[in-house]
Amino acid sequence: MSKRWYQENRRDPWRRQAKSKGYRARSAYKLKQIQEKFEVIRKGDYVLDIGCHPGGWTQVAVEEVGDDGYVIGVDLLSTSPVEGSTIIIGDITNPKTIEQIDKELEGHYLNCVISDISPRLTGRYDTDQAISLELSTMVLDAAMPILTPGGSFVTKIFQGVGIEGLIDAAKMRFSSVQRYAPTASRSSSSETYLVCRNKLPKVRKEAKGRTAYEQLKDHLKDLDIVIEEEDEEQIISKIGFRKYTKSE
């Protein structure tokens, strides 16, 4: 751990505020600011938090949906239970994990899918940005079948090559797509959030029969960037799932 990293975190007001308010991560305030501006979560909503570890966004989602809402968090990493939610440990691209989410929803559709997901960083920006872009696009594809028309989707993305491919894919699926950088993000960070509202009943004809990930690959191909298929295995390690229910 570098001395500079320690000093910056020690001075970080969002980290101190999160700790004082009982949030598990400073990132909770990023979702709070997104919610304040866009109101992507409403009282009584059913919400899925993809890449929920350590649980800060799940905590905020639970507060926003109230007693009549329901929040499910999913992550590859073991995540301590969050009161008022169900946590599933699993891979969102694995059909078994989707089956478990469907079981928890008991016939309901999701009103909102949120994701602060991030790959294990290598320290090489171009590599990290590319992997994060692919991961966020696959999260969008995973969310679409279980997100109700009119629903919202929020995911983290890093500025860089190919980002417009994901944005264009989102515009084929939502009537409103905007980029937003919360003030709670570190000033040195290139992260921003894609805020998508009002899922369309059907994808626009330009994207009919195609996944967002396929659209992204075509976009990157137009930029003379080639995605090797084996990269997907490097993005996510497949594991099984366990779950913690509200009562635990």
C-alpha atoms as a PDB file:
ATOM      1  CA  MET A   1       0.000   0.000   0.000  1.00  0.00           C
ATOM      2  CA  SER A   2       1.553   3.325  -1.066  1.00  0.00           C
ATOM      3  CA  LYS A   3       1.908   6.265   1.282  1.00  0.00           C
ATOM      4  CA  ARG A   4       0.110   8.467  -1.261  1.00  0.00           C
ATOM      5  CA  TRP A   5      -2.892   6.062  -1.437  1.00  0.00           C
ATOM      6  CA  TYR A   6      -3.128   6.003   2.364  1.00  0.00           C
ATOM      7  CA  GLN A   7      -3.004   9.796   2.646  1.00  0.00           C
ATOM      8  CA  GLU A   8      -5.618  10.323  -0.089  1.00  0.00           C
ATOM      9  CA  ASN A   9      -8.026   7.854   1.495  1.00  0.00           C
ATOM     10  CA  ARG A  10      -7.496   9.331   4.912  1.00  0.00           C
ATOM     11  CA  ARG A  11      -8.484  12.772   3.573  1.00  0.00           C
ATOM     12  CA  ASP A  12     -11.408  11.424   1.520  1.00  0.00           C
ATOM     13  CA  PRO A  13     -14.586  13.118   2.859  1.00  0.00           C
ATOM     14  CA  TRP A  14     -16.899  10.630   1.131  1.00  0.00           C
ATOM     15  CA  ARG A  15     -15.151   7.705   2.789  1.00  0.00           C
ATOM     16  CA  ARG A  16     -15.422   9.378   6.193  1.00  0.00           C
ATOM     17  CA  GLN A  17     -19.075  10.234   5.626  1.00  0.00           C
ATOM     18  CA  ALA A  18     -19.898   6.694   4.477  1.00  0.00           C
ATOM     19  CA  LYS A  19     -18.247   5.262   7.575  1.00  0.00           C
ATOM     20  CA  SER A  20     -20.099   7.645   9.886  1.00  0.00           C
ATOM     21  CA  LYS A  21     -23.481   6.815   8.292  1.00  0.00           C
ATOM     22  CA  GLY A  22     -22.941   3.055   8.341  1.00  0.00           C
ATOM     23  CA  TYR A  23     -22.478   2.531   4.600  1.00  0.00           C
ATOM     24  CA  ARG A  24     -20.048  -0.181   3.601  1.00  0.00           C
ATOM     25  CA  ALA A  25     -18.379   1.840   0.856  1.00  0.00           C
ATOM     26  CA  ARG A  26     -17.961   5.453  -0.243  1.00  0.00           C
ATOM     27  CA  SER A  27     -19.598   4.424  -3.536  1.00  0.00           C
ATOM     28  CA  ALA A  28     -22.964   4.519  -1.752  1.00  0.00           C
ATOM     29  CA  TYR A  29     -22.916   8.279  -2.286  1.00  0.00           C
ATOM     30  CA  LYS A  30     -22.466   7.839  -6.034  1.00  0.00           C
ATOM     31  CA  LEU A  31     -25.789   6.015  -6.189  1.00  0.00           C
ATOM     32  CA  LYS A  32     -27.367   8.565  -3.854  1.00  0.00           C
ATOM     33  CA  GLN A  33     -26.348  11.355  -6.235  1.00  0.00           C
ATOM     34  CA  ILE A  34     -27.561   9.406  -9.277  1.00  0.00           C
ATOM     35  CA  GLN A  35     -30.855   8.817  -7.506  1.00  0.00           C
ATOM     36  CA  GLU A  36     -31.194  12.466  -6.508  1.00  0.00           C
ATOM     37  CA  LYS A  37     -30.767  13.602 -10.115  1.00  0.00           C
ATOM     38  CA  PHE A  38     -32.590  10.873 -12.044  1.00  0.00           C
ATOM     39  CA  GLU A  39     -34.895   9.063  -9.560  1.00  0.00           C
ATOM     40  CA  VAL A  40     -34.193   5.691 -11.135  1.00  0.00           C
ATOM     41  CA  ILE A  41     -35.542   3.876  -8.037  1.00  0.00           C
ATOM     42  CA  ARG A  42     -39.052   4.458  -6.676  1.00  0.00           C
ATOM     43  CA  LYS A  43     -40.862   3.302  -3.581  1.00  0.00           C
ATOM     44  CA  GLY A  44     -42.105  -0.253  -3.993  1.00  0.00           C
ATOM     45  CA  ASP A  45     -39.674  -1.069  -6.820  1.00  0.00           C
ATOM     46  CA  TYR A  46     -38.013  -4.435  -7.384  1.00  0.00           C
ATOM     47  CA  VAL A  47     -34.300  -3.768  -7.837  1.00  0.00           C
ATOM     48  CA  LEU A  48     -31.332  -5.920  -8.838  1.00  0.00           C
ATOM     49  CA  ASP A  49     -27.821  -4.801  -7.863  1.00  0.00           C
ATOM     50  CA  ILE A  50     -25.255  -6.558 -10.080  1.00  0.00           C
ATOM     51  CA  GLY A  51     -21.729  -6.662  -8.702  1.00  0.00           C
ATOM     52  CA  CYS A  52     -23.071  -5.704  -5.273  1.00  0.00           C
ATOM     53  CA  HIS A  53     -19.970  -6.414  -3.146  1.00  0.00           C
ATOM     54  CA  PRO A  54     -19.372  -5.025  -0.547  1.00  0.00           C
ATOM     55  CA  GLY A  55     -23.022  -3.913  -0.353  1.00  0.00           C
ATOM     56  CA  GLY A  56     -23.022  -0.105  -0.321  1.00  0.00           C
ATOM     57  CA  TRP A  57     -25.319   0.244  -3.347  1.00  0.00           C
ATOM     58  CA  THR A  58     -27.590  -2.489  -2.002  1.00  0.00           C
ATOM     59  CA  GLN A  59     -27.940  -0.550   1.264  1.00  0.00           C
ATOM     60  CA  VAL A  60     -28.984   2.594  -0.603  1.00  0.00           C
ATOM     61  CA  ALA A  61     -31.405   0.650  -2.822  1.00  0.00           C
ATOM     62  CA  VAL A  62     -33.089  -0.860   0.256  1.00  0.00           C
ATOM     63  CA  GLU A  63     -33.609   2.634   1.654  1.00  0.00           C
ATOM     64  CA  GLU A  64     -35.071   3.889  -1.612  1.00  0.00           C
ATOM     65  CA  VAL A  65     -37.577   1.064  -2.269  1.00  0.00           C
ATOM     66  CA  GLY A  66     -38.996   1.161   1.252  1.00  0.00           C
ATOM     67  CA  ASP A  67     -40.925  -1.609   2.977  1.00  0.00           C
ATOM     68  CA  ASP A  68     -42.990  -2.484  -0.101  1.00  0.00           C
ATOM     69  CA  GLY A  69     -40.001  -2.900  -2.406  1.00  0.00           C
ATOM     70  CA  TYR A  70     -37.524  -5.712  -2.837  1.00  0.00           C
ATOM     71  CA  VAL A  71     -33.770  -5.677  -3.502  1.00  0.00           C
ATOM     72  CA  ILE A  72     -31.613  -8.545  -4.744  1.00  0.00           C
ATOM     73  CA  GLY A  73     -27.833  -8.252  -4.844  1.00  0.00           C
ATOM     74  CA  VAL A  74     -25.607 -10.579  -6.863  1.00  0.00           C
ATOM     75  CA  ASP A  75     -21.823 -10.853  -6.961  1.00  0.00           C
ATOM     76  CA  LEU A  76     -19.090 -13.405  -7.485  1.00  0.00           C
ATOM     77  CA  LEU A  77     -17.574 -12.379  -4.159  1.00  0.00           C
ATOM     78  CA  SER A  78     -19.001 -13.449  -0.836  1.00  0.00           C
ATOM     79  CA  THR A  79     -20.997 -10.495   0.463  1.00  0.00           C
ATOM     80  CA  SER A  80     -22.256 -10.099   4.008  1.00  0.00           C
ATOM     81  CA  PRO A  81     -26.063 -10.002   4.301  1.00  0.00           C
ATOM     82  CA  VAL A  82     -27.698  -6.599   3.900  1.00  0.00           C
ATOM     83  CA  GLU A  83     -30.799  -6.166   6.036  1.00  0.00           C
ATOM     84  CA  GLY A  84     -33.913  -5.949   3.883  1.00  0.00           C
ATOM     85  CA  SER A  85     -32.371  -7.623   0.828  1.00  0.00           C
ATOM     86  CA  THR A  86     -31.447 -11.016  -0.581  1.00  0.00           C
ATOM     87  CA  ILE A  87     -27.837 -11.603  -1.601  1.00  0.00           C
ATOM     88  CA  ILE A  88     -26.943 -14.208  -4.224  1.00  0.00           C
ATOM     89  CA  ILE A  89     -23.334 -15.220  -4.769  1.00  0.00           C
ATOM     90  CA  GLY A  90     -22.955 -16.111  -8.418  1.00  0.00           C
ATOM     91  CA  ASP A  91     -22.171 -15.129 -11.987  1.00  0.00           C
ATOM     92  CA  ILE A  92     -24.844 -12.948 -13.608  1.00  0.00           C
ATOM     93  CA  THR A  93     -24.028 -14.477 -17.016  1.00  0.00           C
ATOM     94  CA  ASN A  94     -24.715 -17.997 -15.699  1.00  0.00           C
ATOM     95  CA  PRO A  95     -28.277 -19.228 -16.448  1.00  0.00           C
ATOM     96  CA  LYS A  96     -28.431 -20.874 -12.999  1.00  0.00           C
ATOM     97  CA  THR A  97     -27.956 -17.484 -11.353  1.00  0.00           C
ATOM     98  CA  ILE A  98     -30.721 -15.983 -13.507  1.00  0.00           C
ATOM     99  CA  GLU A  99     -32.957 -18.895 -12.492  1.00  0.00           C
ATOM    100  CA  GLN A 100     -32.271 -18.130  -8.835  1.00  0.00           C
ATOM    101  CA  ILE A 101     -33.097 -14.449  -9.369  1.00  0.00           C
ATOM    102  CA  ASP A 102     -36.347 -15.413 -11.129  1.00  0.00           C
ATOM    103  CA  LYS A 103     -37.224 -17.658  -8.199  1.00  0.00           C
ATOM    104  CA  GLU A 104     -36.680 -14.804  -5.753  1.00  0.00           C
ATOM    105  CA  LEU A 105     -38.819 -12.445  -7.862  1.00  0.00           C
ATOM    106  CA  GLU A 106     -41.775 -14.862  -7.670  1.00  0.00           C
ATOM    107  CA  GLY A 107     -43.252 -13.765 -10.976  1.00  0.00           C
ATOM    108  CA  HIS A 108     -42.441 -10.066 -10.657  1.00  0.00           C
ATOM    109  CA  TYR A 109     -40.324  -8.166 -13.161  1.00  0.00           C
ATOM    110  CA  LEU A 110     -37.518  -5.873 -12.096  1.00  0.00           C
ATOM    111  CA  ASN A 111     -38.172  -2.132 -12.174  1.00  0.00           C
ATOM    112  CA  CYS A 112     -34.506  -1.192 -11.979  1.00  0.00           C
ATOM    113  CA  VAL A 113     -31.105  -2.818 -12.477  1.00  0.00           C
ATOM    114  CA  ILE A 114     -28.063  -1.050 -11.025  1.00  0.00           C
ATOM    115  CA  SER A 115     -24.421  -2.009 -11.370  1.00  0.00           C
ATOM    116  CA  ASP A 116     -21.223  -0.545  -9.951  1.00  0.00           C
ATOM    117  CA  ILE A 117     -19.392  -3.608 -11.229  1.00  0.00           C
ATOM    118  CA  SER A 118     -15.671  -3.438 -11.919  1.00  0.00           C
ATOM    119  CA  PRO A 119     -13.171  -6.048 -13.109  1.00  0.00           C
ATOM    120  CA  ARG A 120     -10.041  -6.889 -11.177  1.00  0.00           C
ATOM    121  CA  LEU A 121      -7.798  -4.040 -12.257  1.00  0.00           C
ATOM    122  CA  THR A 122      -4.425  -4.713 -13.865  1.00  0.00           C
ATOM    123  CA  GLY A 123      -3.090  -1.177 -13.590  1.00  0.00           C
ATOM    124  CA  ARG A 124      -2.920  -0.866 -17.385  1.00  0.00           C
ATOM    125  CA  TYR A 125      -5.616   1.664 -18.231  1.00  0.00           C
ATOM    126  CA  ASP A 126      -6.326   0.572 -21.813  1.00  0.00           C
ATOM    127  CA  THR A 127      -6.736  -3.046 -20.713  1.00  0.00           C
ATOM    128  CA  ASP A 128      -8.847  -2.201 -17.678  1.00  0.00           C
ATOM    129  CA  GLN A 129     -11.091   0.134 -19.687  1.00  0.00           C
ATOM    130  CA  ALA A 130     -11.641  -2.472 -22.398  1.00  0.00           C
ATOM    131  CA  ILE A 131     -12.480  -5.250 -19.936  1.00  0.00           C
ATOM    132  CA  SER A 132     -14.827  -2.957 -17.984  1.00  0.00           C
ATOM    133  CA  LEU A 133     -16.587  -1.967 -21.221  1.00  0.00           C
ATOM    134  CA  GLU A 134     -17.198  -5.591 -22.172  1.00  0.00           C
ATOM    135  CA  LEU A 135     -18.336  -6.445 -18.664  1.00  0.00           C
ATOM    136  CA  SER A 136     -20.840  -3.564 -18.502  1.00  0.00           C
ATOM    137  CA  THR A 137     -22.215  -4.547 -21.911  1.00  0.00           C
ATOM    138  CA  MET A 138     -22.741  -8.145 -20.798  1.00  0.00           C
ATOM    139  CA  VAL A 139     -24.484  -6.835 -17.662  1.00  0.00           C
ATOM    140  CA  LEU A 140     -26.851  -4.882 -19.920  1.00  0.00           C
ATOM    141  CA  ASP A 141     -27.641  -8.054 -21.870  1.00  0.00           C
ATOM    142  CA  ALA A 142     -28.246  -9.983 -18.650  1.00  0.00           C
ATOM    143  CA  ALA A 143     -30.613  -7.291 -17.374  1.00  0.00           C
ATOM    144  CA  MET A 144     -32.809  -6.926 -20.455  1.00  0.00           C
ATOM    145  CA  PRO A 145     -34.908 -10.127 -20.194  1.00  0.00           C
ATOM    146  CA  ILE A 146     -35.838  -9.510 -16.548  1.00  0.00           C
ATOM    147  CA  LEU A 147     -36.297  -5.729 -16.640  1.00  0.00           C
ATOM    148  CA  THR A 148     -39.859  -4.551 -17.144  1.00  0.00           C
ATOM    149  CA  PRO A 149     -40.755  -2.097 -19.957  1.00  0.00           C
ATOM    150  CA  GLY A 150     -40.399   1.393 -18.537  1.00  0.00           C
ATOM    151  CA  GLY A 151     -37.661   0.216 -16.186  1.00  0.00           C
ATOM    152  CA  SER A 152     -34.260   1.785 -15.562  1.00  0.00           C
ATOM    153  CA  PHE A 153     -30.675   0.589 -15.876  1.00  0.00           C
ATOM    154  CA  VAL A 154     -27.521   2.124 -14.405  1.00  0.00           C
ATOM    155  CA  THR A 155     -23.965   0.898 -14.929  1.00  0.00           C
ATOM    156  CA  LYS A 156     -20.437   2.182 -14.418  1.00  0.00           C
ATOM    157  CA  ILE A 157     -18.272   2.747 -17.482  1.00  0.00           C
ATOM    158  CA  PHE A 158     -14.800   4.197 -17.990  1.00  0.00           C
ATOM    159  CA  GLN A 159     -14.133   6.851 -20.596  1.00  0.00           C
ATOM    160  CA  GLY A 160     -12.159   5.485 -23.521  1.00  0.00           C
ATOM    161  CA  VAL A 161     -12.191   3.724 -26.858  1.00  0.00           C
ATOM    162  CA  GLY A 162     -15.416   1.901 -27.709  1.00  0.00           C
ATOM    163  CA  ILE A 163     -17.654   3.551 -25.121  1.00  0.00           C
ATOM    164  CA  GLU A 164     -19.942   4.872 -27.859  1.00  0.00           C
ATOM    165  CA  GLY A 165     -20.665   1.271 -28.873  1.00  0.00           C
ATOM    166  CA  LEU A 166     -22.264   0.568 -25.499  1.00  0.00           C
ATOM    167  CA  ILE A 167     -24.107   3.890 -25.516  1.00  0.00           C
ATOM    168  CA  ASP A 168     -25.526   3.193 -28.987  1.00  0.00           C
ATOM    169  CA  ALA A 169     -26.630  -0.295 -27.873  1.00  0.00           C
ATOM    170  CA  ALA A 170     -28.372   1.236 -24.852  1.00  0.00           C
ATOM    171  CA  LYS A 171     -30.162   3.765 -27.070  1.00  0.00           C
ATOM    172  CA  MET A 172     -31.625   0.859 -29.020  1.00  0.00           C
ATOM    173  CA  ARG A 173     -33.250  -0.367 -25.785  1.00  0.00           C
ATOM    174  CA  PHE A 174     -34.147   2.749 -23.754  1.00  0.00           C
ATOM    175  CA  SER A 175     -35.817   6.039 -24.663  1.00  0.00           C
ATOM    176  CA  SER A 176     -33.449   8.053 -22.443  1.00  0.00           C
ATOM    177  CA  VAL A 177     -29.696   7.396 -22.158  1.00  0.00           C
ATOM    178  CA  GLN A 178     -27.390   9.842 -20.393  1.00  0.00           C
ATOM    179  CA  ARG A 179     -23.876   9.918 -18.996  1.00  0.00           C
ATOM    180  CA  TYR A 180     -23.402  11.250 -15.478  1.00  0.00           C
ATOM    181  CA  ALA A 181     -20.345  11.706 -13.271  1.00  0.00           C
ATOM    182  CA  PRO A 182     -21.283  11.978  -9.565  1.00  0.00           C
ATOM    183  CA  THR A 183     -19.242  14.395  -7.482  1.00  0.00           C
ATOM    184  CA  ALA A 184     -18.602  11.478  -5.126  1.00  0.00           C
ATOM    185  CA  SER A 185     -16.354   9.948  -7.791  1.00  0.00           C
ATOM    186  CA  ARG A 186     -12.694  10.708  -7.247  1.00  0.00           C
ATOM    187  CA  SER A 187     -11.492  13.685  -9.269  1.00  0.00           C
ATOM    188  CA  SER A 188      -8.656  11.571 -10.655  1.00  0.00           C
ATOM    189  CA  SER A 189     -11.038   8.840 -11.857  1.00  0.00           C
ATOM    190  CA  SER A 190     -12.201   8.499 -15.473  1.00  0.00           C
ATOM    191  CA  GLU A 191     -15.327   6.646 -14.394  1.00  0.00           C
ATOM    192  CA  THR A 192     -18.766   7.814 -15.354  1.00  0.00           C
ATOM    193  CA  TYR A 193     -22.208   6.216 -15.167  1.00  0.00           C
ATOM    194  CA  LEU A 194     -24.594   5.332 -17.941  1.00  0.00           C
ATOM    195  CA  VAL A 195     -28.121   6.135 -16.779  1.00  0.00           C
ATOM    196  CA  CYS A 196     -30.790   4.513 -18.962  1.00  0.00           C
ATOM    197  CA  ARG A 197     -34.478   5.175 -18.340  1.00  0.00           C
ATOM    198  CA  ASN A 198     -37.749   3.944 -19.794  1.00  0.00           C
ATOM    199  CA  LYS A 199     -36.894   0.574 -21.274  1.00  0.00           C
ATOM    200  CA  LEU A 200     -38.646   0.220 -24.616  1.00  0.00           C
ATOM    201  CA  PRO A 201     -41.263  -2.547 -25.069  1.00  0.00           C
ATOM    202  CA  LYS A 202     -39.181  -3.776 -28.020  1.00  0.00           C
ATOM    203  CA  VAL A 203     -35.648  -3.011 -29.130  1.00  0.00           C
ATOM    204  CA  ARG A 204     -35.406  -0.616 -32.037  1.00  0.00           C
ATOM    205  CA  LYS A 205     -35.349  -2.309 -35.427  1.00  0.00           C
ATOM    206  CA  GLU A 206     -31.629  -1.603 -35.927  1.00  0.00           C
ATOM    207  CA  ALA A 207     -30.845  -3.929 -32.995  1.00  0.00           C
ATOM    208  CA  LYS A 208     -33.531  -6.555 -33.570  1.00  0.00           C
ATOM    209  CA  GLY A 209     -32.142 -10.055 -33.069  1.00  0.00           C
ATOM    210  CA  ARG A 210     -28.804  -8.776 -31.784  1.00  0.00           C
ATOM    211  CA  THR A 211     -27.392  -8.548 -28.277  1.00  0.00           C
ATOM    212  CA  ALA A 212     -25.739  -5.419 -26.950  1.00  0.00           C
ATOM    213  CA  TYR A 213     -22.473  -7.346 -26.801  1.00  0.00           C
ATOM    214  CA  GLU A 214     -22.745  -8.219 -30.502  1.00  0.00           C
ATOM    215  CA  GLN A 215     -23.354  -4.564 -31.262  1.00  0.00           C
ATOM    216  CA  LEU A 216     -20.304  -3.592 -29.221  1.00  0.00           C
ATOM    217  CA  LYS A 217     -18.119  -6.075 -31.088  1.00  0.00           C
ATOM    218  CA  ASP A 218     -19.311  -4.682 -34.421  1.00  0.00           C
ATOM    219  CA  HIS A 219     -18.552  -1.163 -33.218  1.00  0.00           C
ATOM    220  CA  LEU A 220     -15.050  -2.148 -32.145  1.00  0.00           C
ATOM    221  CA  LYS A 221     -14.508  -3.924 -35.453  1.00  0.00           C
ATOM    222  CA  ASP A 222     -15.381  -0.683 -37.231  1.00  0.00           C
ATOM    223  CA  LEU A 223     -12.619   0.930 -35.145  1.00  0.00           C
ATOM    224  CA  ASP A 224     -10.207  -1.847 -36.233  1.00  0.00           C
ATOM    225  CA  ILE A 225     -10.198  -3.290 -32.721  1.00  0.00           C
ATOM    226  CA  VAL A 226     -10.540  -7.059 -32.453  1.00  0.00           C
ATOM    227  CA  ILE A 227     -12.010  -8.847 -29.419  1.00  0.00           C
ATOM    228  CA  GLU A 228     -10.636 -12.324 -28.850  1.00  0.00           C
ATOM    229  CA  GLU A 229     -13.339 -14.733 -27.704  1.00  0.00           C
ATOM    230  CA  GLU A 230     -11.235 -16.131 -24.872  1.00  0.00           C
ATOM    231  CA  ASP A 231     -11.226 -12.695 -23.227  1.00  0.00           C
ATOM    232  CA  GLU A 232     -14.689 -13.454 -21.827  1.00  0.00           C
ATOM    233  CA  GLU A 233     -13.197 -16.174 -19.640  1.00  0.00           C
ATOM    234  CA  GLN A 234     -10.734 -13.632 -18.278  1.00  0.00           C
ATOM    235  CA  ILE A 235     -13.482 -11.169 -17.416  1.00  0.00           C
ATOM    236  CA  ILE A 236     -15.488 -13.394 -15.098  1.00  0.00           C
ATOM    237  CA  SER A 237     -14.625 -16.561 -13.197  1.00  0.00           C
ATOM    238  CA  LYS A 238     -17.554 -18.948 -13.066  1.00  0.00           C
ATOM    239  CA  ILE A 239     -18.639 -20.073  -9.611  1.00  0.00           C
ATOM    240  CA  GLY A 240     -21.799 -21.428  -8.051  1.00  0.00           C
ATOM    241  CA  PHE A 241     -24.156 -19.447  -5.885  1.00  0.00           C
ATOM    242  CA  ARG A 242     -25.409 -19.280  -2.341  1.00  0.00           C
ATOM    243  CA  LYS A 243     -28.000 -16.882  -0.998  1.00  0.00           C
ATOM    244  CA  TYR A 244     -28.754 -14.977   2.164  1.00  0.00           C
ATOM    245  CA  THR A 245     -32.423 -14.134   2.699  1.00  0.00           C
ATOM    246  CA  LYS A 246     -34.016 -11.157   4.395  1.00  0.00           C
ATOM    247  CA  SER A 247     -34.525 -13.092   7.600  1.00  0.00           C
ATOM    248  CA  GLU A 248     -30.834 -13.849   8.055  1.00  0.00           C
END
